[in-house]
Amino acid sequence: MLKIDAKNLGTATVLRLQGQIVNGETSILRTVVQSLSETSAVILNLAQVTTIDAHGLGVLLELRERTHEKGIRFELMNVSKPMSRVLEITRLDSVFQITSGVEFFPPVRAPLAALRSCA
């Protein structure tokens, strides 16, 4: 079963997916992405996705196309090594914009004065 948690970060929406993106489990993903309004970007956090099949890849491509038609950026984030390999084999790694959580959320650096007060 695919579970989705949504979080709005300014004008971007991060969808944390958990489970499998496979035939029979994708209707919720379509529904959630199509229901988003007032967003400039949809980022799918795939850190907890265990499996994706050809149907799932097709749905991701469809959602990418639909969001781009509306001028909304579509990205994949925290893609696991096995899923990354699937994207490489299918050459979809050149189609999707893929980022890591570290790239999307840059580290916060404390000022030196704040660090000195901790010592």
C-alpha atoms as a PDB file:
ATOM      1  CA  MET A   1       0.000   0.000   0.000  1.00  0.00           C
ATOM      2  CA  LEU A   2       1.268   3.453  -0.936  1.00  0.00           C
ATOM      3  CA  LYS A   3       1.019   6.141   1.747  1.00  0.00           C
ATOM      4  CA  ILE A   4       1.556   9.827   1.095  1.00  0.00           C
ATOM      5  CA  ASP A   5       2.224  12.681   3.519  1.00  0.00           C
ATOM      6  CA  ALA A   6       2.192  16.227   2.148  1.00  0.00           C
ATOM      7  CA  LYS A   7       4.114  19.183   3.527  1.00  0.00           C
ATOM      8  CA  ASN A   8       4.000  22.701   2.132  1.00  0.00           C
ATOM      9  CA  LEU A   9       7.301  24.566   2.202  1.00  0.00           C
ATOM     10  CA  GLY A  10       6.569  28.044   0.983  1.00  0.00           C
ATOM     11  CA  THR A  11       5.350  27.650  -2.565  1.00  0.00           C
ATOM     12  CA  ALA A  12       6.694  24.098  -2.944  1.00  0.00           C
ATOM     13  CA  THR A  13       4.951  20.912  -1.857  1.00  0.00           C
ATOM     14  CA  VAL A  14       6.944  17.892  -0.704  1.00  0.00           C
ATOM     15  CA  LEU A  15       5.135  14.558  -0.902  1.00  0.00           C
ATOM     16  CA  ARG A  16       6.723  11.849   1.242  1.00  0.00           C
ATOM     17  CA  LEU A  17       5.862   8.493  -0.309  1.00  0.00           C
ATOM     18  CA  GLN A  18       6.027   5.260   1.660  1.00  0.00           C
ATOM     19  CA  GLY A  19       5.518   1.810   0.164  1.00  0.00           C
ATOM     20  CA  GLN A  20       5.347   0.695  -3.442  1.00  0.00           C
ATOM     21  CA  ILE A  21       4.688   2.634  -6.632  1.00  0.00           C
ATOM     22  CA  VAL A  22       3.219  -0.285  -8.543  1.00  0.00           C
ATOM     23  CA  ASN A  23       0.168  -1.195 -10.621  1.00  0.00           C
ATOM     24  CA  GLY A  24      -2.906  -0.966  -8.427  1.00  0.00           C
ATOM     25  CA  GLU A  25      -1.297   1.429  -5.914  1.00  0.00           C
ATOM     26  CA  THR A  26      -0.867   4.600  -7.970  1.00  0.00           C
ATOM     27  CA  SER A  27      -4.341   6.141  -8.019  1.00  0.00           C
ATOM     28  CA  ILE A  28      -3.739   7.888  -4.684  1.00  0.00           C
ATOM     29  CA  LEU A  29      -0.548   9.466  -6.064  1.00  0.00           C
ATOM     30  CA  ARG A  30      -2.389  10.756  -9.142  1.00  0.00           C
ATOM     31  CA  THR A  31      -5.206  12.125  -6.998  1.00  0.00           C
ATOM     32  CA  VAL A  32      -2.898  13.921  -4.568  1.00  0.00           C
ATOM     33  CA  VAL A  33      -0.717  15.511  -7.266  1.00  0.00           C
ATOM     34  CA  GLN A  34      -3.723  16.585  -9.355  1.00  0.00           C
ATOM     35  CA  SER A  35      -5.380  18.150  -6.291  1.00  0.00           C
ATOM     36  CA  LEU A  36      -2.411  20.422  -5.557  1.00  0.00           C
ATOM     37  CA  SER A  37      -3.024  24.063  -6.309  1.00  0.00           C
ATOM     38  CA  GLU A  38      -1.094  27.205  -5.553  1.00  0.00           C
ATOM     39  CA  THR A  39       2.235  25.387  -5.717  1.00  0.00           C
ATOM     40  CA  SER A  40       5.263  26.146  -7.852  1.00  0.00           C
ATOM     41  CA  ALA A  41       6.931  22.766  -7.332  1.00  0.00           C
ATOM     42  CA  VAL A  42       6.015  19.185  -6.495  1.00  0.00           C
ATOM     43  CA  ILE A  43       8.854  17.210  -4.928  1.00  0.00           C
ATOM     44  CA  LEU A  44       8.413  13.481  -4.389  1.00  0.00           C
ATOM     45  CA  ASN A  45      10.494  12.244  -1.452  1.00  0.00           C
ATOM     46  CA  LEU A  46      11.170   8.616  -2.370  1.00  0.00           C
ATOM     47  CA  ALA A  47      13.355   7.665   0.620  1.00  0.00           C
ATOM     48  CA  GLN A  48      10.759   5.170   1.872  1.00  0.00           C
ATOM     49  CA  VAL A  49       9.695   3.719  -1.481  1.00  0.00           C
ATOM     50  CA  THR A  50      10.583   0.027  -1.585  1.00  0.00           C
ATOM     51  CA  THR A  51       9.495  -0.932  -5.115  1.00  0.00           C
ATOM     52  CA  ILE A  52       8.583   0.647  -8.419  1.00  0.00           C
ATOM     53  CA  ASP A  53       7.399  -1.178 -11.535  1.00  0.00           C
ATOM     54  CA  ALA A  54       6.928  -0.148 -15.174  1.00  0.00           C
ATOM     55  CA  HIS A  55       3.431   1.111 -14.423  1.00  0.00           C
ATOM     56  CA  GLY A  56       4.797   3.239 -11.567  1.00  0.00           C
ATOM     57  CA  LEU A  57       7.440   4.730 -13.849  1.00  0.00           C
ATOM     58  CA  GLY A  58       4.706   5.524 -16.364  1.00  0.00           C
ATOM     59  CA  VAL A  59       2.678   7.299 -13.688  1.00  0.00           C
ATOM     60  CA  LEU A  60       5.709   9.384 -12.659  1.00  0.00           C
ATOM     61  CA  LEU A  61       6.212  10.374 -16.299  1.00  0.00           C
ATOM     62  CA  GLU A  62       2.530  11.249 -16.642  1.00  0.00           C
ATOM     63  CA  LEU A  63       2.583  13.377 -13.485  1.00  0.00           C
ATOM     64  CA  ARG A  64       5.765  15.105 -14.627  1.00  0.00           C
ATOM     65  CA  GLU A  65       4.097  15.979 -17.933  1.00  0.00           C
ATOM     66  CA  ARG A  66       0.873  17.211 -16.315  1.00  0.00           C
ATOM     67  CA  THR A  67       2.679  19.412 -13.801  1.00  0.00           C
ATOM     68  CA  HIS A  68       4.997  20.860 -16.446  1.00  0.00           C
ATOM     69  CA  GLU A  69       1.959  21.763 -18.572  1.00  0.00           C
ATOM     70  CA  LYS A  70       0.750  23.865 -15.621  1.00  0.00           C
ATOM     71  CA  GLY A  71       4.180  25.477 -15.167  1.00  0.00           C
ATOM     72  CA  ILE A  72       4.880  23.483 -11.992  1.00  0.00           C
ATOM     73  CA  ARG A  73       8.349  22.037 -11.366  1.00  0.00           C
ATOM     74  CA  PHE A  74       8.418  18.255 -10.729  1.00  0.00           C
ATOM     75  CA  GLU A  75      11.350  16.685  -8.881  1.00  0.00           C
ATOM     76  CA  LEU A  76      12.360  13.406  -7.298  1.00  0.00           C
ATOM     77  CA  MET A  77      14.234  13.551  -3.995  1.00  0.00           C
ATOM     78  CA  ASN A  78      16.106  10.958  -1.911  1.00  0.00           C
ATOM     79  CA  VAL A  79      16.091   8.295  -4.611  1.00  0.00           C
ATOM     80  CA  SER A  80      17.479   5.000  -3.248  1.00  0.00           C
ATOM     81  CA  LYS A  81      20.377   3.255  -4.984  1.00  0.00           C
ATOM     82  CA  PRO A  82      18.174   0.435  -6.393  1.00  0.00           C
ATOM     83  CA  MET A  83      15.624   2.931  -7.697  1.00  0.00           C
ATOM     84  CA  SER A  84      18.400   5.117  -9.053  1.00  0.00           C
ATOM     85  CA  ARG A  85      19.686   2.079 -10.943  1.00  0.00           C
ATOM     86  CA  VAL A  86      16.218   1.511 -12.463  1.00  0.00           C
ATOM     87  CA  LEU A  87      16.142   5.138 -13.590  1.00  0.00           C
ATOM     88  CA  GLU A  88      19.625   4.758 -15.122  1.00  0.00           C
ATOM     89  CA  ILE A  89      18.747   1.538 -16.982  1.00  0.00           C
ATOM     90  CA  THR A  90      15.575   3.094 -18.397  1.00  0.00           C
ATOM     91  CA  ARG A  91      17.449   6.355 -19.043  1.00  0.00           C
ATOM     92  CA  LEU A  92      14.822   8.236 -17.095  1.00  0.00           C
ATOM     93  CA  ASP A  93      17.555   9.728 -14.931  1.00  0.00           C
ATOM     94  CA  SER A  94      18.015  12.217 -17.777  1.00  0.00           C
ATOM     95  CA  VAL A  95      14.277  13.005 -17.843  1.00  0.00           C
ATOM     96  CA  PHE A  96      13.566  13.599 -14.155  1.00  0.00           C
ATOM     97  CA  GLN A  97      15.173  16.293 -12.063  1.00  0.00           C
ATOM     98  CA  ILE A  98      16.657  14.359  -9.132  1.00  0.00           C
ATOM     99  CA  THR A  99      17.916  15.978  -5.939  1.00  0.00           C
ATOM    100  CA  SER A 100      18.949  14.743  -2.533  1.00  0.00           C
ATOM    101  CA  GLY A 101      17.448  16.088   0.663  1.00  0.00           C
ATOM    102  CA  VAL A 102      20.795  17.700   1.450  1.00  0.00           C
ATOM    103  CA  GLU A 103      20.711  19.635  -1.816  1.00  0.00           C
ATOM    104  CA  PHE A 104      17.085  20.665  -1.312  1.00  0.00           C
ATOM    105  CA  PHE A 105      17.560  21.644   2.329  1.00  0.00           C
ATOM    106  CA  PRO A 106      20.984  23.292   2.620  1.00  0.00           C
ATOM    107  CA  PRO A 107      22.660  23.029   6.014  1.00  0.00           C
ATOM    108  CA  VAL A 108      22.109  25.844   8.477  1.00  0.00           C
ATOM    109  CA  ARG A 109      25.362  27.300   9.730  1.00  0.00           C
ATOM    110  CA  ALA A 110      25.440  28.891  13.155  1.00  0.00           C
ATOM    111  CA  PRO A 111      27.409  32.096  13.532  1.00  0.00           C
ATOM    112  CA  LEU A 112      30.789  31.659  15.202  1.00  0.00           C
ATOM    113  CA  ALA A 113      29.717  33.749  18.186  1.00  0.00           C
ATOM    114  CA  ALA A 114      26.880  31.328  18.891  1.00  0.00           C
ATOM    115  CA  LEU A 115      29.291  28.388  18.770  1.00  0.00           C
ATOM    116  CA  ARG A 116      31.696  30.063  21.196  1.00  0.00           C
ATOM    117  CA  SER A 117      28.924  30.511  23.756  1.00  0.00           C
ATOM    118  CA  CYS A 118      28.309  26.733  23.686  1.00  0.00           C
ATOM    119  CA  ALA A 119      31.913  25.930  24.672  1.00  0.00           C
END
